[in-house]
Structures are given as structure tokens and as C-alpha cells.
Amino acid sequence: MPLIPAKCTNCGAELEVDSSKDAAICPYCNSAYVVEKAINNYNITNNIENSVVNIYSNSAQVKSDFEIEGHTLKAYIGESEIVDNIPSHITAIGDEAFYGNKKIKKVIIPDSVMRIGAFAFCQCSNLKEIVIPDSVKVIGSFNGSGLEHITLPSNLGVIGEYMFYYCPNLKSIIIPNGVEEIGLAAFGKCTSLEEITIPGSVTKINDAVFLDCCNIKKVLFENWYNIEEMGEDIFRRCPTIPEIVPSNIMMKYHDNFYPPTAETSKPDESKKGCYIATCIYGSYDCPEVWTLRRFRDNILDKNLFGRLFIKTYYLISPKLVKYLGDYSLFKIVWRKSLDSLLQLLRKSGIEDTPYKDL
């Protein structure tokens, strides 16, 4: 008799049972259960749309590690540093599922997963390794994570904008042949990145891909003739232009690689400024500051107390940055506060896409 899926009526663990039997013992909680009831329990749970299912880890002390809706992992609530027990029926890692988790160091994604949502692993500062199967076709962002090495899945078509922005420990990225586009500032502030290979499948590279990559030394283009669109200022604010291989690509894209002249790169003095945030995140044009600028223009500026706050901020913050901005303690304290505020703003629906001041 073939085994069929069931769910323990006592602890909720997912099982495979012989339907010809009347009763069995759950290997997770050691409790007896009626097989027919366990099968019905599984069918009811998995057929109700958006029902929340608790998946239990295989340990003596049974506890829930995940919040799941349907086939989407919505949140990780476990305590383990290594997450290798994501259920095999999961097809998507939800938006912000691991956002800001400081405990996890390694995550293994099962090959049932096809999508990793927006901000799923953002601000996971101790996450050093993630294993992504080739089944994954869409990936959100690892912004602010502690990743050191990563191999992207073979079915990935696009490296999205800011995907690895501010991953200061990232030393190597294996990009599969199949990726066609690399997004805006995708590797921005990857200060440990020294070499990277762009596969021949890439046809579009957006602006400032290597923004503030201060240690980038070599970029190899496997087949640059396939590139149809090259963005501007690819190595924006890099201290030097790295070795480009093959060198003849420079004949066509010299102006895209080298920074604009001082005259054309002069900052727009009409900008209102976001002094402390710019100091902390390193740029007036980055996802974090775009979110804060939206908050300023669309919420704070709409009421009296908000406008008073803005006025006070612009009176005080330039002096704070001028005298304290180079101190690490100043940046640590403010970054912690701003990261918490940004998490709340994003959850409230404020976007972090490119933004022009009102």
C-alpha cells in the first residue's frame, strides 16, 4: 500500500502513513493517532487558502520554526543558526521572511522553492552562506547581509537592482550563464569584492553596478559583444577603474566605465538633503534614503508637527555630521535607529525605489 501524506492530530507534524492501518505512533511526539483522522487533518489544513500551518522540527523538544501560508514561508521564528529544515512543499520564501534576523548563519533552500521574495534576507548581518537551488527563478534582495560567497541559480534571469547592496563581506559571486540583466547598483558597497565574471548571456547592465566597490580589481566579460545596453558610470565612486578583460571593450564603453567630469558630476545644490541618513548609508541616492525621503515629503511635510521636525532636523543635522560623522560610534548608534525606522516604514508600504524630491 503506498504511503500518503498526513498530519499528526497531537503535535501537527507532517507524516506519511499507510492508509490500510487504523492507528499509528507519531515519531515526533510519540503519541498514538487515528490514521484516518491524521489524513483528514492534512487535507483540511492544506486545502484551506491562506491557512497558517506550523511546521515542527524533528527534535525531542517539538517546536515551531516557521509561519507558513499555503506553500509560502512567511516568517522564520526559530532559534537555530543553521536553517536546513525548510519543508519540502514550500515553493516561495515570502517577502521579509528572514528580514533583520541576526542569529542565522547558514540557510539551505529546498529545491521545491521557485521564488525568494523582496527583502527576504535583508539586514541578516550574520548570514554568511546560503544554498539556493537551480529551481529558483526570482530573487529579491540580500541588502545588508553578511554573505561571503554565493552561487546564483542557473534559472535566474535577472539580478535585480540593489540585490547585494551593502554586503561588505561578499568576496565572490558566481553568476550563471543565463542571467540577462544586472540591475542598478546591484553590487553597490560590496567593499570586499575584488573580482567578478560577467557571463556571455548578459545583454543589459544598468547604471552604477559597482557603486562604491572600493576594492574591485578585475571584471571579466565572457562575451561582451552580446551586450546591447550599458549603463552610465558603472564604477561610480570607485577609487580606480579595475582591470577590464578583454581590454578592447574599453574602445566602445570607455565613457560608461570612467566617471563623468567634475563639471557634469557636480551635485544638485537644490536638493533638500538627508544629512545623517546620507552619512550613514553613504549616498543620497540609495534604497534606504529614498524611503526616508518619501517619508519626509509624503507624511512629515503634510502636518504642522512634521514640518517643525523637518525644520529642526535641517538646522541641527549638518553640524552633527560635520563634527561627528567620521566617528564609528556615531554611525553605529544612528544606523541601528534608522534601520528600525526603515523596517517600520517598509512594512507600512513606503517604497524604496528611485525617488525625486518634491
Protein backbone atom coordinates (compact mmCIF):
# COMPACT_ATOMS: atom_id res chain seq x y z
CA MET A 1 0.00 0.00 0.00
CA PRO A 2 1.55 3.39 -0.97
CA LEU A 3 2.23 5.97 1.75
CA ILE A 4 0.10 9.10 1.68
CA PRO A 5 0.55 12.47 3.45
CA ALA A 6 -1.00 13.04 6.85
CA LYS A 7 -0.71 15.41 9.79
CA CYS A 8 -0.39 14.32 13.42
CA THR A 9 -3.53 15.30 15.34
CA ASN A 10 -1.49 15.85 18.50
CA CYS A 11 1.65 17.81 17.56
CA GLY A 12 0.87 18.83 13.96
CA ALA A 13 3.95 17.20 12.40
CA GLU A 14 3.65 16.21 8.74
CA LEU A 15 3.79 12.45 8.19
CA GLU A 16 3.49 9.76 5.55
CA VAL A 17 1.16 6.95 6.58
CA ASP A 18 -0.16 3.60 5.44
CA SER A 19 -3.89 4.19 4.93
CA SER A 20 -4.64 0.48 5.43
CA LYS A 21 -3.81 0.79 9.13
CA ASP A 22 -6.22 2.04 11.78
CA ALA A 23 -3.71 3.70 14.10
CA ALA A 24 -0.02 4.59 14.37
CA ILE A 25 2.54 6.29 16.59
CA CYS A 26 3.87 9.75 15.69
CA PRO A 27 7.71 9.62 15.54
CA TYR A 28 7.91 13.26 16.64
CA CYS A 29 5.77 13.36 19.78
CA ASN A 30 5.40 9.59 20.41
CA SER A 31 1.63 9.94 20.66
CA ALA A 32 -0.87 7.50 19.16
CA TYR A 33 -3.22 8.83 16.47
CA VAL A 34 -6.02 7.53 14.29
CA VAL A 35 -4.73 7.25 10.72
CA GLU A 36 -7.99 8.35 9.09
CA LYS A 37 -8.16 11.46 11.29
CA ALA A 38 -4.49 12.31 10.54
CA ILE A 39 -5.14 12.09 6.79
CA ASN A 40 -8.22 14.30 7.11
CA ASN A 41 -6.24 16.74 9.25
CA TYR A 42 -3.61 17.09 6.49
CA ASN A 43 -6.21 17.52 3.73
CA ILE A 44 -8.18 20.16 5.63
CA THR A 45 -5.06 22.17 6.54
CA ASN A 46 -3.59 22.17 3.04
CA ASN A 47 -6.82 22.86 1.18
CA ILE A 48 -7.80 25.99 3.10
CA GLU A 49 -6.36 29.00 1.28
CA ASN A 50 -4.03 31.18 3.34
CA SER A 51 -4.30 29.00 6.40
CA VAL A 52 -1.34 29.25 8.73
CA VAL A 53 0.46 25.95 9.20
CA ASN A 54 3.06 25.31 11.86
CA ILE A 55 5.88 23.02 10.73
CA TYR A 56 7.65 21.21 13.51
CA SER A 57 11.32 20.44 13.65
CA ASN A 58 12.49 16.89 14.20
CA SER A 59 13.79 17.19 17.74
CA ALA A 60 12.99 15.81 21.17
CA GLN A 61 11.57 19.16 22.16
CA VAL A 62 8.98 19.76 19.43
CA LYS A 63 8.61 23.42 18.48
CA SER A 64 7.55 25.56 15.54
CA ASP A 65 10.26 27.13 13.40
CA PHE A 66 8.18 28.65 10.61
CA GLU A 67 4.99 30.53 9.85
CA ILE A 68 3.56 29.23 6.58
CA GLU A 69 0.60 30.21 4.45
CA GLY A 70 -0.24 27.69 1.78
CA HIS A 71 3.08 26.97 0.07
CA THR A 72 4.78 30.22 1.12
CA LEU A 73 7.16 30.53 4.05
CA LYS A 74 6.06 33.83 5.58
CA ALA A 75 8.43 34.07 8.55
CA TYR A 76 11.20 32.22 10.33
CA ILE A 77 10.67 32.23 14.09
CA GLY A 78 13.19 29.58 15.10
CA GLU A 79 16.38 29.98 17.10
CA SER A 80 18.86 27.91 15.06
CA GLU A 81 21.94 29.42 13.44
CA ILE A 82 21.72 26.89 10.61
CA VAL A 83 18.34 26.66 8.86
CA ASP A 84 18.26 23.38 6.95
CA ASN A 85 14.76 22.15 7.71
CA ILE A 86 12.55 24.25 5.42
CA PRO A 87 9.65 21.93 4.46
CA SER A 88 9.87 20.36 1.02
CA HIS A 89 6.40 21.54 -0.05
CA ILE A 90 7.42 25.22 0.16
CA THR A 91 7.55 26.92 -3.27
CA ALA A 92 8.21 30.52 -2.19
CA ILE A 93 10.15 32.35 0.52
CA GLY A 94 7.91 35.32 1.33
CA ASP A 95 8.81 39.00 1.46
CA GLU A 96 10.85 39.82 4.59
CA ALA A 97 10.65 36.19 5.78
CA PHE A 98 14.07 36.40 7.47
CA TYR A 99 14.40 40.21 7.49
CA GLY A 100 16.75 41.52 10.17
CA ASN A 101 17.44 38.11 11.71
CA LYS A 102 20.80 38.41 13.50
CA LYS A 103 21.07 34.74 14.54
CA ILE A 104 21.09 32.80 11.30
CA LYS A 105 24.48 32.00 9.73
CA LYS A 106 23.55 29.49 7.04
CA VAL A 107 20.34 28.74 5.13
CA ILE A 108 19.68 25.82 2.80
CA ILE A 109 16.76 26.39 0.44
CA PRO A 110 14.98 23.19 -0.72
CA ASP A 111 14.70 22.52 -4.45
CA SER A 112 10.92 22.93 -4.31
CA VAL A 113 11.36 26.72 -3.98
CA MET A 114 10.98 28.82 -7.13
CA ARG A 115 10.87 32.36 -5.71
CA ILE A 116 12.63 34.30 -2.96
CA GLY A 117 10.65 37.43 -2.12
CA ALA A 118 11.65 41.06 -1.66
CA PHE A 119 13.85 41.81 1.38
CA ALA A 120 13.63 38.14 2.42
CA PHE A 121 17.21 38.13 3.74
CA CYS A 122 17.90 41.85 4.09
CA GLN A 123 19.84 43.01 7.16
CA CYS A 124 20.75 39.43 8.15
CA SER A 125 24.18 40.65 9.18
CA ASN A 126 25.48 37.27 10.39
CA LEU A 127 24.24 35.25 7.41
CA LYS A 128 27.47 34.01 5.80
CA GLU A 129 26.19 31.30 3.47
CA ILE A 130 23.00 30.49 1.59
CA VAL A 131 22.48 27.49 -0.70
CA ILE A 132 20.00 28.31 -3.48
CA PRO A 133 18.77 25.51 -5.77
CA ASP A 134 18.52 25.89 -9.54
CA SER A 135 14.73 25.75 -9.22
CA VAL A 136 14.72 29.39 -8.03
CA LYS A 137 13.90 31.82 -10.85
CA VAL A 138 13.32 35.08 -8.93
CA ILE A 139 15.35 36.51 -6.04
CA GLY A 140 14.62 39.64 -4.02
CA SER A 141 17.47 41.30 -2.14
CA PHE A 142 20.30 40.43 0.26
CA ASN A 143 20.82 44.10 1.09
CA GLY A 144 22.87 44.47 4.27
CA SER A 145 23.53 40.76 4.77
CA GLY A 146 26.80 39.18 5.91
CA LEU A 147 27.18 36.88 2.90
CA GLU A 148 30.76 35.98 2.00
CA HIS A 149 30.25 33.79 -1.08
CA ILE A 150 27.23 32.99 -3.22
CA THR A 151 26.45 30.90 -6.28
CA LEU A 152 23.32 32.10 -8.06
CA PRO A 153 20.87 29.53 -9.53
CA SER A 154 21.10 28.60 -13.20
CA ASN A 155 17.47 29.57 -13.88
CA LEU A 156 17.86 33.14 -12.63
CA GLY A 157 17.23 35.63 -15.44
CA VAL A 158 17.74 38.99 -13.70
CA ILE A 159 19.98 40.23 -10.92
CA GLY A 160 17.69 42.91 -9.53
CA GLU A 161 18.60 46.44 -8.56
CA TYR A 162 20.45 46.69 -5.24
CA MET A 163 20.36 42.89 -4.85
CA PHE A 164 23.68 42.79 -2.98
CA TYR A 165 23.86 46.43 -1.93
CA TYR A 166 25.91 46.93 1.23
CA CYS A 167 27.10 43.33 1.60
CA PRO A 168 30.55 44.36 2.87
CA ASN A 169 31.82 40.78 3.40
CA LEU A 170 30.90 39.45 -0.05
CA LYS A 171 34.09 38.20 -1.71
CA SER A 172 32.82 36.12 -4.61
CA ILE A 173 29.67 35.87 -6.74
CA ILE A 174 29.17 33.11 -9.27
CA ILE A 175 26.77 34.40 -11.94
CA PRO A 176 25.33 31.62 -14.15
CA ASN A 177 25.19 31.73 -17.91
CA GLY A 178 21.51 32.58 -18.35
CA VAL A 179 21.35 35.85 -16.47
CA GLU A 180 20.41 38.53 -19.00
CA GLU A 181 20.28 41.72 -16.92
CA ILE A 182 22.17 43.20 -13.99
CA GLY A 183 20.24 45.90 -12.15
CA LEU A 184 21.05 49.34 -10.83
CA ALA A 185 23.83 49.29 -8.20
CA ALA A 186 23.39 45.52 -7.87
CA PHE A 187 26.80 45.14 -6.21
CA GLY A 188 26.96 48.59 -4.62
CA LYS A 189 29.13 48.87 -1.50
CA CYS A 190 30.42 45.29 -1.79
CA THR A 191 33.72 46.50 -0.40
CA SER A 192 35.33 43.03 -0.18
CA LEU A 193 34.58 42.15 -3.80
CA GLU A 194 37.79 42.07 -5.87
CA GLU A 195 36.95 40.05 -8.99
CA ILE A 196 33.81 39.09 -10.87
CA THR A 197 32.93 37.41 -14.16
CA ILE A 198 30.02 38.66 -16.26
CA PRO A 199 28.67 35.73 -18.33
CA GLY A 200 28.09 35.99 -22.07
CA SER A 201 24.32 35.76 -21.61
CA VAL A 202 24.13 39.27 -20.14
CA THR A 203 22.66 41.79 -22.58
CA LYS A 204 21.89 44.70 -20.25
CA ILE A 205 23.92 46.30 -17.46
CA ASN A 206 22.35 49.18 -15.58
CA ASP A 207 23.90 52.29 -14.02
CA ALA A 208 26.46 52.23 -11.19
CA VAL A 209 26.54 48.44 -10.88
CA PHE A 210 29.78 48.61 -8.87
CA LEU A 211 28.93 51.73 -6.85
CA ASP A 212 31.47 52.26 -4.03
CA CYS A 213 33.20 48.90 -4.66
CA CYS A 214 36.46 50.31 -3.38
CA ASN A 215 38.49 47.10 -3.77
CA ILE A 216 37.28 45.86 -7.15
CA LYS A 217 40.38 44.91 -9.18
CA LYS A 218 39.19 42.86 -12.15
CA VAL A 219 35.99 42.44 -14.20
CA LEU A 220 35.90 39.75 -16.87
CA PHE A 221 33.30 39.94 -19.64
CA GLU A 222 32.95 36.48 -21.19
CA ASN A 223 31.30 37.74 -24.38
CA TRP A 224 30.83 41.49 -24.31
CA TYR A 225 29.58 41.56 -27.91
CA ASN A 226 26.23 40.32 -26.62
CA ILE A 227 25.74 43.44 -24.50
CA GLU A 228 23.02 45.60 -26.02
CA GLU A 229 22.77 48.25 -23.32
CA MET A 230 25.48 49.50 -20.95
CA GLY A 231 24.57 51.88 -18.12
CA GLU A 232 26.39 55.02 -17.10
CA ASP A 233 29.12 55.44 -14.52
CA ILE A 234 29.48 51.68 -13.93
CA PHE A 235 32.26 52.17 -11.37
CA ARG A 236 30.78 55.19 -9.63
CA ARG A 237 32.90 56.38 -6.68
CA CYS A 238 35.41 53.54 -7.05
CA PRO A 239 38.89 54.92 -6.32
CA THR A 240 40.29 53.38 -9.51
CA ILE A 241 38.90 51.65 -12.60
CA PRO A 242 39.66 47.90 -12.33
CA GLU A 243 41.28 45.77 -15.00
CA ILE A 244 38.70 45.14 -17.73
CA VAL A 245 39.02 41.87 -19.67
CA PRO A 246 39.06 41.80 -22.65
CA SER A 247 40.61 45.24 -22.92
CA ASN A 248 39.05 46.01 -26.31
CA ILE A 249 35.67 46.50 -24.61
CA MET A 250 37.08 49.88 -23.49
CA MET A 251 37.03 51.12 -27.07
CA LYS A 252 33.24 51.01 -27.10
CA TYR A 253 32.36 51.66 -23.45
CA HIS A 254 35.14 53.96 -22.24
CA ASP A 255 32.70 56.73 -21.24
CA ASN A 256 30.46 54.23 -19.41
CA PHE A 257 33.33 53.00 -17.26
CA TYR A 258 35.11 56.22 -16.44
CA PRO A 259 33.42 58.77 -14.17
CA PRO A 260 31.97 61.97 -15.62
CA THR A 261 33.91 65.21 -15.41
CA ALA A 262 33.81 67.30 -12.28
CA GLU A 263 31.50 69.76 -14.01
CA THR A 264 28.90 67.18 -15.02
CA SER A 265 29.08 65.37 -11.69
CA LYS A 266 28.57 68.48 -9.58
CA PRO A 267 25.85 67.77 -7.01
CA ASP A 268 22.49 69.42 -7.29
CA GLU A 269 22.54 72.11 -4.63
CA SER A 270 18.78 72.45 -4.81
CA LYS A 271 18.30 69.10 -3.03
CA LYS A 272 16.85 69.37 0.43
CA GLY A 273 19.37 66.88 1.79
CA CYS A 274 19.13 63.97 4.22
CA TYR A 275 22.35 64.66 6.06
CA ILE A 276 22.51 61.98 8.75
CA ALA A 277 20.94 59.28 6.56
CA THR A 278 23.33 60.10 3.71
CA CYS A 279 26.26 59.92 6.15
CA ILE A 280 25.12 56.54 7.49
CA TYR A 281 24.22 54.86 4.19
CA GLY A 282 26.85 56.54 2.05
CA SER A 283 24.66 58.07 -0.66
CA TYR A 284 21.73 60.41 -1.16
CA ASP A 285 20.51 58.02 -3.85
CA CYS A 286 20.18 54.59 -2.29
CA PRO A 287 17.15 52.49 -1.19
CA GLU A 288 17.32 53.50 2.47
CA VAL A 289 17.47 57.24 1.79
CA TRP A 290 14.79 57.00 -0.92
CA THR A 291 12.45 55.52 1.69
CA LEU A 292 13.28 58.24 4.22
CA ARG A 293 12.83 60.99 1.62
CA ARG A 294 9.37 59.63 0.76
CA PHE A 295 8.53 59.60 4.48
CA ARG A 296 9.68 63.22 4.76
CA ASP A 297 7.78 64.51 1.70
CA ASN A 298 4.60 62.44 1.86
CA ILE A 299 3.98 62.17 5.60
CA LEU A 300 6.02 64.55 7.76
CA ASP A 301 5.61 67.52 5.42
CA LYS A 302 1.81 67.12 5.47
CA ASN A 303 1.29 68.27 9.07
CA LEU A 304 2.48 71.05 11.36
CA PHE A 305 4.48 68.93 13.79
CA GLY A 306 6.14 67.09 10.91
CA ARG A 307 7.22 70.34 9.29
CA LEU A 308 8.62 71.56 12.63
CA PHE A 309 10.60 68.33 12.91
CA ILE A 310 11.96 68.75 9.36
CA LYS A 311 12.98 72.34 10.08
CA THR A 312 14.74 71.32 13.30
CA TYR A 313 16.44 68.39 11.57
CA TYR A 314 17.90 70.60 8.84
CA LEU A 315 19.06 73.08 11.45
CA ILE A 316 20.91 70.53 13.59
CA SER A 317 21.92 67.58 11.40
CA PRO A 318 24.52 69.32 9.16
CA LYS A 319 26.53 70.27 12.25
CA LEU A 320 26.21 66.78 13.73
CA VAL A 321 27.53 65.24 10.53
CA LYS A 322 30.28 67.82 10.20
CA TYR A 323 31.71 67.25 13.67
CA LEU A 324 30.73 63.63 14.44
CA GLY A 325 30.15 61.99 11.06
CA ASP A 326 33.59 60.37 10.90
CA TYR A 327 33.22 58.61 14.26
CA SER A 328 32.22 54.93 14.13
CA LEU A 329 30.14 55.17 17.32
CA PHE A 330 28.02 57.92 15.76
CA LYS A 331 27.34 55.73 12.72
CA ILE A 332 26.60 52.61 14.78
CA VAL A 333 24.07 54.37 17.03
CA TRP A 334 22.29 56.15 14.18
CA ARG A 335 22.29 53.12 11.87
CA LYS A 336 20.56 50.98 14.49
CA SER A 337 17.84 53.61 14.93
CA LEU A 338 17.42 54.24 11.21
CA ASP A 339 17.30 50.52 10.38
CA SER A 340 14.44 50.07 12.87
CA LEU A 341 12.58 53.05 11.42
CA LEU A 342 13.10 51.78 7.86
CA GLN A 343 11.70 48.39 8.76
CA LEU A 344 8.52 50.03 10.06
CA LEU A 345 8.25 52.32 7.04
CA ARG A 346 8.63 49.45 4.58
CA LYS A 347 6.03 47.40 6.38
CA SER A 348 3.68 50.36 6.18
CA GLY A 349 4.07 50.37 2.40
CA ILE A 350 6.62 53.12 1.78
CA GLU A 351 8.70 52.08 -1.22
CA ASP A 352 12.50 52.12 -1.61
CA THR A 353 12.61 52.59 -5.38
CA PRO A 354 14.39 55.56 -7.05
CA TYR A 355 12.83 58.85 -5.99
CA LYS A 356 12.98 62.53 -6.91
CA ASP A 357 12.32 65.11 -4.21
CA LEU A 358 9.05 67.01 -4.35
